[in-house]
Amino acid sequence: MTSSSGEPERGWYRQQDGRERLWDGHRWTDEYRDPDAPPPSPEDRSPADVDEKAKGKRADRVGQAIGLGVVVVVIGCCGWFQSLGDDEGESGGAALTACHNAVEAQIKNPSTADFSLFDTTITETQISGEVTAENDFGAEKTLRYVCAMSGSTVTRATVSPG
């Protein structure tokens, strides 16, 4: 992930030797860790680290909410969700929700899942797109997903690195 200044966000990044090195948001530090090391406990984090991360997530969420509003208006005008329902007239929103639930069931930290609606492709038989979620170390990773659909039922969901 990158910050609003275009630089990578503060965090641990894997090096060629397999260890992870800490980027402070502006430069590399001299801190290294093994990739199997547990993430730092909340009491080891400074309040500034927690506050900065929360501010960034809030700003991301506001932008995504605005984007979601635009997508909802476009989809509502075009009636795309209507074509996703089965013969009984189920809403396509149920299909999208079922797909997202199936994807969340396959990722490490589902509570951090953030689905991009701008990269989502919806057809009568498939929903695909990108989701960003935190891994076990707290680093955000972008994953691609594909859900095979039968009406609003997920018949198969696959998740792979983005």
N, C-alpha and C. Protein backbone atom coordinates (compact mmCIF):
# COMPACT_ATOMS: atom_id res chain seq x y z
N MET A 1 0.84 -1.17 0.00
CA MET A 1 0.00 0.00 0.00
C MET A 1 0.89 1.23 0.00
N THR A 2 0.39 2.29 -0.60
CA THR A 2 1.13 3.53 -0.61
C THR A 2 0.34 4.59 0.12
N SER A 3 1.07 5.57 0.67
CA SER A 3 0.43 6.66 1.37
C SER A 3 -0.01 7.71 0.36
N SER A 4 -0.67 8.76 0.87
CA SER A 4 -1.14 9.82 -0.02
C SER A 4 0.03 10.56 -0.67
N SER A 5 1.23 10.49 -0.08
CA SER A 5 2.40 11.13 -0.67
C SER A 5 3.03 10.26 -1.76
N GLY A 6 2.51 9.07 -1.97
CA GLY A 6 3.03 8.18 -3.00
C GLY A 6 4.09 7.21 -2.50
N GLU A 7 4.56 7.40 -1.26
CA GLU A 7 5.56 6.50 -0.69
C GLU A 7 4.86 5.30 -0.06
N PRO A 8 5.56 4.16 0.01
CA PRO A 8 4.96 3.00 0.70
C PRO A 8 4.65 3.35 2.15
N GLU A 9 3.59 2.73 2.68
CA GLU A 9 3.20 2.97 4.06
C GLU A 9 4.20 2.34 5.02
N ARG A 10 4.22 2.84 6.25
CA ARG A 10 5.06 2.28 7.30
C ARG A 10 4.69 0.82 7.49
N GLY A 11 5.69 -0.04 7.60
CA GLY A 11 5.40 -1.44 7.85
C GLY A 11 6.60 -2.33 7.57
N TRP A 12 6.39 -3.63 7.78
CA TRP A 12 7.43 -4.64 7.56
C TRP A 12 7.32 -5.14 6.14
N TYR A 13 8.45 -5.17 5.43
CA TYR A 13 8.49 -5.62 4.04
C TYR A 13 9.56 -6.70 3.88
N ARG A 14 9.20 -7.75 3.13
CA ARG A 14 10.09 -8.88 2.93
C ARG A 14 11.28 -8.47 2.07
N GLN A 15 12.48 -8.87 2.48
CA GLN A 15 13.72 -8.60 1.76
C GLN A 15 14.13 -9.85 0.98
N GLN A 16 15.12 -9.71 0.11
CA GLN A 16 15.56 -10.84 -0.71
C GLN A 16 16.10 -11.99 0.12
N ASP A 17 16.66 -11.71 1.29
CA ASP A 17 17.21 -12.78 2.12
C ASP A 17 16.13 -13.51 2.93
N GLY A 18 14.86 -13.12 2.77
CA GLY A 18 13.77 -13.80 3.45
C GLY A 18 13.34 -13.11 4.74
N ARG A 19 14.21 -12.27 5.30
CA ARG A 19 13.83 -11.52 6.50
C ARG A 19 12.94 -10.34 6.11
N GLU A 20 12.32 -9.75 7.11
CA GLU A 20 11.51 -8.56 6.88
C GLU A 20 12.23 -7.36 7.51
N ARG A 21 12.11 -6.21 6.82
CA ARG A 21 12.76 -4.98 7.28
C ARG A 21 11.71 -3.90 7.46
N LEU A 22 11.88 -3.06 8.47
CA LEU A 22 10.90 -2.03 8.79
C LEU A 22 11.14 -0.77 7.97
N TRP A 23 10.09 -0.34 7.26
CA TRP A 23 10.07 0.94 6.54
C TRP A 23 9.29 1.90 7.43
N ASP A 24 9.88 3.05 7.82
CA ASP A 24 9.20 3.95 8.75
C ASP A 24 8.25 4.94 8.06
N GLY A 25 8.05 4.76 6.78
CA GLY A 25 7.18 5.65 6.02
C GLY A 25 7.97 6.64 5.19
N HIS A 26 9.28 6.77 5.52
CA HIS A 26 10.15 7.70 4.79
C HIS A 26 11.48 7.07 4.39
N ARG A 27 11.95 6.13 5.23
CA ARG A 27 13.25 5.50 4.95
C ARG A 27 13.29 4.13 5.63
N TRP A 28 14.26 3.30 5.22
CA TRP A 28 14.46 1.99 5.84
C TRP A 28 15.13 2.18 7.18
N THR A 29 14.67 1.44 8.19
CA THR A 29 15.31 1.46 9.50
C THR A 29 16.31 0.31 9.55
N ASP A 30 17.03 0.20 10.66
CA ASP A 30 17.98 -0.90 10.85
C ASP A 30 17.32 -2.09 11.53
N GLU A 31 15.98 -2.09 11.64
CA GLU A 31 15.27 -3.17 12.31
C GLU A 31 14.89 -4.27 11.31
N TYR A 32 15.22 -5.50 11.66
CA TYR A 32 14.88 -6.68 10.86
C TYR A 32 14.14 -7.67 11.75
N ARG A 33 13.38 -8.55 11.14
CA ARG A 33 12.75 -9.64 11.89
C ARG A 33 12.58 -10.84 10.97
N ASP A 34 12.48 -12.02 11.60
CA ASP A 34 12.21 -13.22 10.83
C ASP A 34 10.75 -13.20 10.42
N PRO A 35 10.41 -13.72 9.24
CA PRO A 35 9.01 -13.68 8.80
C PRO A 35 8.07 -14.48 9.69
N ASP A 36 8.62 -15.42 10.48
CA ASP A 36 7.77 -16.22 11.37
C ASP A 36 7.53 -15.55 12.71
N ALA A 37 8.14 -14.37 12.91
CA ALA A 37 7.96 -13.67 14.19
C ALA A 37 6.53 -13.18 14.31
N PRO A 38 5.98 -13.25 15.52
CA PRO A 38 4.60 -12.77 15.71
C PRO A 38 4.56 -11.24 15.55
N PRO A 39 3.41 -10.69 15.17
CA PRO A 39 3.30 -9.24 15.05
C PRO A 39 3.47 -8.60 16.43
N PRO A 40 3.87 -7.32 16.47
CA PRO A 40 4.04 -6.68 17.78
C PRO A 40 2.71 -6.59 18.51
N SER A 41 2.80 -6.74 19.83
CA SER A 41 1.57 -6.65 20.63
C SER A 41 1.13 -5.20 20.71
N PRO A 42 -0.16 -4.94 20.98
CA PRO A 42 -0.65 -3.56 21.04
C PRO A 42 0.12 -2.69 22.02
N GLU A 43 0.57 -3.27 23.14
CA GLU A 43 1.31 -2.45 24.10
C GLU A 43 2.70 -2.06 23.60
N ASP A 44 3.23 -2.76 22.57
CA ASP A 44 4.53 -2.42 22.00
C ASP A 44 4.42 -1.33 20.94
N ARG A 45 3.21 -0.98 20.55
CA ARG A 45 3.02 0.05 19.53
C ARG A 45 2.86 1.40 20.21
N SER A 46 3.40 2.42 19.58
CA SER A 46 3.24 3.76 20.14
C SER A 46 1.87 4.30 19.76
N PRO A 47 1.31 5.21 20.55
CA PRO A 47 0.01 5.81 20.20
C PRO A 47 0.06 6.49 18.84
N ALA A 48 1.20 7.05 18.47
CA ALA A 48 1.30 7.71 17.16
C ALA A 48 1.12 6.71 16.03
N ASP A 49 1.70 5.50 16.17
CA ASP A 49 1.54 4.48 15.14
C ASP A 49 0.08 4.11 14.97
N VAL A 50 -0.61 3.90 16.07
CA VAL A 50 -2.01 3.49 16.02
C VAL A 50 -2.86 4.61 15.44
N ASP A 51 -2.61 5.87 15.88
CA ASP A 51 -3.38 7.01 15.39
C ASP A 51 -3.19 7.22 13.90
N GLU A 52 -1.95 7.13 13.40
CA GLU A 52 -1.68 7.33 11.98
C GLU A 52 -2.37 6.27 11.13
N LYS A 53 -2.31 5.02 11.59
CA LYS A 53 -2.96 3.95 10.84
C LYS A 53 -4.47 4.15 10.82
N ALA A 54 -5.04 4.55 11.95
CA ALA A 54 -6.49 4.78 12.01
C ALA A 54 -6.90 5.94 11.10
N LYS A 55 -6.12 7.01 11.08
CA LYS A 55 -6.43 8.16 10.21
C LYS A 55 -6.42 7.74 8.75
N GLY A 56 -5.41 6.98 8.37
CA GLY A 56 -5.32 6.52 6.98
C GLY A 56 -6.50 5.64 6.60
N LYS A 57 -6.89 4.75 7.50
CA LYS A 57 -8.02 3.86 7.20
C LYS A 57 -9.32 4.65 7.09
N ARG A 58 -9.49 5.68 7.98
CA ARG A 58 -10.71 6.50 7.91
C ARG A 58 -10.77 7.23 6.58
N ALA A 59 -9.66 7.80 6.15
CA ALA A 59 -9.64 8.51 4.87
C ALA A 59 -9.94 7.56 3.72
N ASP A 60 -9.38 6.36 3.78
CA ASP A 60 -9.66 5.36 2.74
C ASP A 60 -11.14 5.02 2.72
N ARG A 61 -11.73 4.84 3.89
CA ARG A 61 -13.14 4.47 3.98
C ARG A 61 -14.04 5.58 3.42
N VAL A 62 -13.71 6.85 3.69
CA VAL A 62 -14.51 7.95 3.17
C VAL A 62 -14.48 7.94 1.65
N GLY A 63 -13.29 7.78 1.09
CA GLY A 63 -13.16 7.72 -0.37
C GLY A 63 -13.92 6.54 -0.95
N GLN A 64 -13.86 5.42 -0.28
CA GLN A 64 -14.57 4.24 -0.77
C GLN A 64 -16.08 4.41 -0.65
N ALA A 65 -16.53 5.08 0.41
CA ALA A 65 -17.97 5.31 0.56
C ALA A 65 -18.49 6.20 -0.56
N ILE A 66 -17.72 7.21 -0.92
CA ILE A 66 -18.12 8.08 -2.03
C ILE A 66 -18.15 7.27 -3.33
N GLY A 67 -17.10 6.48 -3.54
CA GLY A 67 -17.05 5.64 -4.73
C GLY A 67 -18.19 4.65 -4.77
N LEU A 68 -18.52 4.07 -3.64
CA LEU A 68 -19.62 3.12 -3.57
C LEU A 68 -20.93 3.80 -3.93
N GLY A 69 -21.12 5.02 -3.45
CA GLY A 69 -22.32 5.77 -3.80
C GLY A 69 -22.46 5.96 -5.30
N VAL A 70 -21.36 6.28 -5.95
CA VAL A 70 -21.37 6.45 -7.40
C VAL A 70 -21.72 5.13 -8.08
N VAL A 71 -21.11 4.05 -7.63
CA VAL A 71 -21.37 2.74 -8.22
C VAL A 71 -22.84 2.35 -8.05
N VAL A 72 -23.39 2.59 -6.87
CA VAL A 72 -24.79 2.24 -6.62
C VAL A 72 -25.71 3.00 -7.55
N VAL A 73 -25.42 4.29 -7.76
CA VAL A 73 -26.25 5.09 -8.67
C VAL A 73 -26.16 4.53 -10.09
N VAL A 74 -24.94 4.23 -10.54
CA VAL A 74 -24.77 3.71 -11.89
C VAL A 74 -25.46 2.36 -12.04
N ILE A 75 -25.27 1.48 -11.08
CA ILE A 75 -25.89 0.16 -11.16
C ILE A 75 -27.41 0.28 -11.09
N GLY A 76 -27.89 1.14 -10.22
CA GLY A 76 -29.33 1.34 -10.11
C GLY A 76 -29.92 1.86 -11.41
N CYS A 77 -29.22 2.77 -12.08
CA CYS A 77 -29.71 3.33 -13.34
C CYS A 77 -29.71 2.28 -14.45
N CYS A 78 -28.70 1.46 -14.45
CA CYS A 78 -28.56 0.49 -15.53
C CYS A 78 -29.31 -0.82 -15.27
N GLY A 79 -29.66 -1.08 -14.04
CA GLY A 79 -30.40 -2.30 -13.70
C GLY A 79 -29.55 -3.55 -13.77
N TRP A 80 -28.23 -3.41 -13.58
CA TRP A 80 -27.36 -4.58 -13.68
C TRP A 80 -27.69 -5.64 -12.65
N PHE A 81 -28.04 -5.23 -11.44
CA PHE A 81 -28.30 -6.22 -10.40
C PHE A 81 -29.54 -7.05 -10.73
N GLN A 82 -30.46 -6.52 -11.49
CA GLN A 82 -31.66 -7.28 -11.82
C GLN A 82 -31.31 -8.55 -12.58
N SER A 83 -30.30 -8.48 -13.45
CA SER A 83 -29.95 -9.65 -14.25
C SER A 83 -29.26 -10.73 -13.44
N LEU A 84 -28.82 -10.41 -12.22
CA LEU A 84 -28.13 -11.40 -11.41
C LEU A 84 -29.09 -12.34 -10.68
N GLY A 85 -30.33 -11.95 -10.51
CA GLY A 85 -31.27 -12.77 -9.76
C GLY A 85 -31.66 -14.01 -10.54
N ASP A 86 -32.22 -14.99 -9.84
CA ASP A 86 -32.67 -16.18 -10.55
C ASP A 86 -34.11 -15.95 -11.04
N ASP A 87 -34.76 -16.99 -11.52
CA ASP A 87 -36.10 -16.85 -12.08
C ASP A 87 -37.13 -16.40 -11.05
N GLU A 88 -36.82 -16.53 -9.77
CA GLU A 88 -37.75 -16.12 -8.74
C GLU A 88 -37.59 -14.64 -8.41
N GLY A 89 -36.71 -13.91 -9.13
CA GLY A 89 -36.57 -12.47 -8.96
C GLY A 89 -35.73 -12.05 -7.77
N GLU A 90 -34.78 -12.88 -7.31
CA GLU A 90 -33.92 -12.50 -6.20
C GLU A 90 -33.04 -11.34 -6.62
N SER A 91 -32.67 -10.52 -5.68
CA SER A 91 -31.82 -9.37 -5.96
C SER A 91 -30.39 -9.81 -6.19
N GLY A 92 -29.72 -9.14 -7.13
CA GLY A 92 -28.31 -9.42 -7.39
C GLY A 92 -27.44 -9.02 -6.22
N GLY A 93 -27.93 -8.11 -5.38
CA GLY A 93 -27.18 -7.74 -4.19
C GLY A 93 -26.92 -8.94 -3.31
N ALA A 94 -27.86 -9.88 -3.29
CA ALA A 94 -27.69 -11.10 -2.50
C ALA A 94 -26.56 -11.95 -3.07
N ALA A 95 -26.42 -11.95 -4.40
CA ALA A 95 -25.34 -12.71 -5.04
C ALA A 95 -23.98 -12.11 -4.68
N LEU A 96 -23.88 -10.78 -4.73
CA LEU A 96 -22.63 -10.11 -4.38
C LEU A 96 -22.28 -10.35 -2.91
N THR A 97 -23.27 -10.26 -2.04
CA THR A 97 -23.04 -10.52 -0.61
C THR A 97 -22.60 -11.95 -0.38
N ALA A 98 -23.24 -12.91 -1.05
CA ALA A 98 -22.87 -14.32 -0.90
C ALA A 98 -21.43 -14.55 -1.36
N CYS A 99 -21.05 -13.91 -2.47
CA CYS A 99 -19.68 -14.03 -2.98
C CYS A 99 -18.69 -13.47 -1.96
N HIS A 100 -18.95 -12.26 -1.46
CA HIS A 100 -18.04 -11.65 -0.50
C HIS A 100 -17.92 -12.50 0.77
N ASN A 101 -19.03 -13.08 1.23
CA ASN A 101 -18.97 -13.96 2.41
C ASN A 101 -18.12 -15.19 2.14
N ALA A 102 -18.22 -15.76 0.94
CA ALA A 102 -17.43 -16.95 0.58
C ALA A 102 -15.94 -16.60 0.52
N VAL A 103 -15.62 -15.41 0.03
CA VAL A 103 -14.22 -14.96 -0.05
C VAL A 103 -13.68 -14.73 1.36
N GLU A 104 -14.45 -14.04 2.20
CA GLU A 104 -14.01 -13.78 3.57
C GLU A 104 -13.72 -15.07 4.33
N ALA A 105 -14.46 -16.13 4.02
CA ALA A 105 -14.25 -17.41 4.70
C ALA A 105 -12.89 -18.02 4.35
N GLN A 106 -12.25 -17.53 3.28
CA GLN A 106 -10.98 -18.10 2.83
C GLN A 106 -9.76 -17.25 3.18
N ILE A 107 -9.95 -16.06 3.75
CA ILE A 107 -8.79 -15.21 4.04
C ILE A 107 -8.48 -15.21 5.54
N LYS A 108 -7.22 -14.86 5.86
CA LYS A 108 -6.71 -14.95 7.24
C LYS A 108 -7.44 -14.04 8.22
N ASN A 109 -7.67 -12.78 7.84
CA ASN A 109 -8.29 -11.81 8.74
C ASN A 109 -9.52 -11.21 8.06
N PRO A 110 -10.64 -11.94 8.03
CA PRO A 110 -11.82 -11.49 7.29
C PRO A 110 -12.38 -10.15 7.77
N SER A 111 -12.16 -9.80 9.03
CA SER A 111 -12.70 -8.54 9.53
C SER A 111 -12.01 -7.33 8.90
N THR A 112 -10.84 -7.55 8.27
CA THR A 112 -10.12 -6.44 7.62
C THR A 112 -10.40 -6.39 6.12
N ALA A 113 -11.25 -7.28 5.61
CA ALA A 113 -11.52 -7.33 4.17
C ALA A 113 -12.14 -6.03 3.68
N ASP A 114 -11.60 -5.53 2.57
CA ASP A 114 -12.08 -4.30 1.96
C ASP A 114 -12.22 -4.58 0.46
N PHE A 115 -13.46 -4.79 0.01
CA PHE A 115 -13.72 -5.16 -1.37
C PHE A 115 -13.77 -3.92 -2.25
N SER A 116 -13.05 -3.95 -3.36
CA SER A 116 -13.06 -2.85 -4.32
C SER A 116 -14.20 -3.07 -5.31
N LEU A 117 -15.14 -2.14 -5.34
CA LEU A 117 -16.24 -2.26 -6.30
C LEU A 117 -15.84 -1.76 -7.67
N PHE A 118 -14.78 -0.95 -7.75
CA PHE A 118 -14.35 -0.43 -9.04
C PHE A 118 -13.72 -1.52 -9.90
N ASP A 119 -13.14 -2.54 -9.26
CA ASP A 119 -12.49 -3.63 -10.00
C ASP A 119 -13.37 -4.87 -10.03
N THR A 120 -14.65 -4.73 -9.74
CA THR A 120 -15.55 -5.88 -9.70
C THR A 120 -16.22 -6.08 -11.05
N THR A 121 -16.21 -7.33 -11.52
CA THR A 121 -16.90 -7.70 -12.75
C THR A 121 -18.02 -8.66 -12.39
N ILE A 122 -19.22 -8.34 -12.88
CA ILE A 122 -20.39 -9.14 -12.53
C ILE A 122 -21.06 -9.63 -13.81
N THR A 123 -21.24 -10.95 -13.91
CA THR A 123 -22.02 -11.53 -15.01
C THR A 123 -23.09 -12.43 -14.39
N GLU A 124 -23.88 -13.07 -15.22
CA GLU A 124 -24.93 -13.94 -14.68
C GLU A 124 -24.35 -15.16 -13.97
N THR A 125 -23.14 -15.59 -14.36
CA THR A 125 -22.58 -16.82 -13.80
C THR A 125 -21.31 -16.62 -12.99
N GLN A 126 -20.81 -15.37 -12.89
CA GLN A 126 -19.53 -15.16 -12.21
C GLN A 126 -19.43 -13.74 -11.66
N ILE A 127 -18.78 -13.64 -10.50
CA ILE A 127 -18.42 -12.35 -9.91
C ILE A 127 -16.93 -12.42 -9.62
N SER A 128 -16.18 -11.42 -10.06
CA SER A 128 -14.74 -11.40 -9.80
C SER A 128 -14.32 -9.99 -9.42
N GLY A 129 -13.19 -9.90 -8.73
CA GLY A 129 -12.70 -8.59 -8.33
C GLY A 129 -11.50 -8.69 -7.42
N GLU A 130 -11.24 -7.58 -6.68
CA GLU A 130 -10.11 -7.51 -5.77
C GLU A 130 -10.60 -7.21 -4.36
N VAL A 131 -9.87 -7.75 -3.39
CA VAL A 131 -10.12 -7.47 -1.98
C VAL A 131 -8.77 -7.21 -1.32
N THR A 132 -8.73 -6.22 -0.45
CA THR A 132 -7.53 -5.92 0.32
C THR A 132 -7.81 -6.34 1.76
N ALA A 133 -6.87 -7.08 2.35
CA ALA A 133 -7.03 -7.54 3.73
C ALA A 133 -5.66 -7.65 4.38
N GLU A 134 -5.64 -7.62 5.70
CA GLU A 134 -4.38 -7.75 6.42
C GLU A 134 -3.99 -9.21 6.56
N ASN A 135 -2.67 -9.47 6.45
CA ASN A 135 -2.18 -10.82 6.70
C ASN A 135 -1.90 -10.98 8.19
N ASP A 136 -1.27 -12.09 8.58
CA ASP A 136 -1.00 -12.35 9.99
C ASP A 136 -0.06 -11.33 10.63
N PHE A 137 0.73 -10.61 9.80
CA PHE A 137 1.68 -9.63 10.31
C PHE A 137 1.10 -8.23 10.33
N GLY A 138 -0.15 -8.08 9.90
CA GLY A 138 -0.78 -6.77 9.88
C GLY A 138 -0.53 -5.98 8.61
N ALA A 139 0.19 -6.58 7.65
CA ALA A 139 0.43 -5.91 6.38
C ALA A 139 -0.77 -6.12 5.46
N GLU A 140 -1.14 -5.09 4.73
CA GLU A 140 -2.26 -5.22 3.81
C GLU A 140 -1.80 -5.89 2.51
N LYS A 141 -2.59 -6.82 2.05
CA LYS A 141 -2.32 -7.54 0.81
C LYS A 141 -3.54 -7.45 -0.08
N THR A 142 -3.32 -7.32 -1.38
CA THR A 142 -4.42 -7.30 -2.34
C THR A 142 -4.54 -8.69 -2.95
N LEU A 143 -5.74 -9.23 -2.96
CA LEU A 143 -6.02 -10.56 -3.47
C LEU A 143 -7.06 -10.46 -4.57
N ARG A 144 -7.01 -11.37 -5.54
CA ARG A 144 -8.03 -11.47 -6.59
C ARG A 144 -8.97 -12.60 -6.20
N TYR A 145 -10.25 -12.45 -6.51
CA TYR A 145 -11.21 -13.51 -6.23
C TYR A 145 -12.14 -13.72 -7.42
N VAL A 146 -12.63 -14.94 -7.52
CA VAL A 146 -13.61 -15.30 -8.54
C VAL A 146 -14.64 -16.21 -7.87
N CYS A 147 -15.92 -15.84 -8.00
CA CYS A 147 -17.01 -16.66 -7.48
C CYS A 147 -17.84 -17.15 -8.65
N ALA A 148 -17.97 -18.47 -8.79
CA ALA A 148 -18.88 -19.03 -9.77
C ALA A 148 -20.26 -19.01 -9.12
N MET A 149 -21.26 -18.51 -9.85
CA MET A 149 -22.58 -18.28 -9.28
C MET A 149 -23.65 -19.09 -9.99
N SER A 150 -24.66 -19.49 -9.24
CA SER A 150 -25.89 -20.05 -9.77
C SER A 150 -27.00 -19.25 -9.09
N GLY A 151 -27.52 -18.23 -9.78
CA GLY A 151 -28.45 -17.30 -9.15
C GLY A 151 -27.70 -16.52 -8.10
N SER A 152 -28.15 -16.59 -6.86
CA SER A 152 -27.43 -15.90 -5.79
C SER A 152 -26.69 -16.89 -4.88
N THR A 153 -26.42 -18.09 -5.41
CA THR A 153 -25.69 -19.11 -4.66
C THR A 153 -24.29 -19.25 -5.23
N VAL A 154 -23.30 -19.26 -4.35
CA VAL A 154 -21.92 -19.46 -4.77
C VAL A 154 -21.66 -20.94 -4.93
N THR A 155 -21.26 -21.36 -6.13
CA THR A 155 -20.95 -22.78 -6.36
C THR A 155 -19.47 -23.06 -6.17
N ARG A 156 -18.63 -22.02 -6.34
CA ARG A 156 -17.18 -22.16 -6.14
C ARG A 156 -16.59 -20.77 -5.96
N ALA A 157 -15.70 -20.62 -4.98
CA ALA A 157 -15.01 -19.36 -4.76
C ALA A 157 -13.51 -19.63 -4.68
N THR A 158 -12.73 -18.89 -5.46
CA THR A 158 -11.28 -19.03 -5.42
C THR A 158 -10.67 -17.67 -5.11
N VAL A 159 -9.60 -17.69 -4.30
CA VAL A 159 -8.89 -16.48 -3.91
C VAL A 159 -7.42 -16.70 -4.19
N SER A 160 -6.78 -15.73 -4.84
CA SER A 160 -5.35 -15.87 -5.18
C SER A 160 -4.66 -14.52 -5.00
N PRO A 161 -3.32 -14.53 -4.87
CA PRO A 161 -2.59 -13.27 -4.71
C PRO A 161 -2.85 -12.35 -5.90
N GLY A 162 -2.95 -11.06 -5.62
CA GLY A 162 -3.24 -10.06 -6.64
C GLY A 162 -2.04 -9.81 -7.48
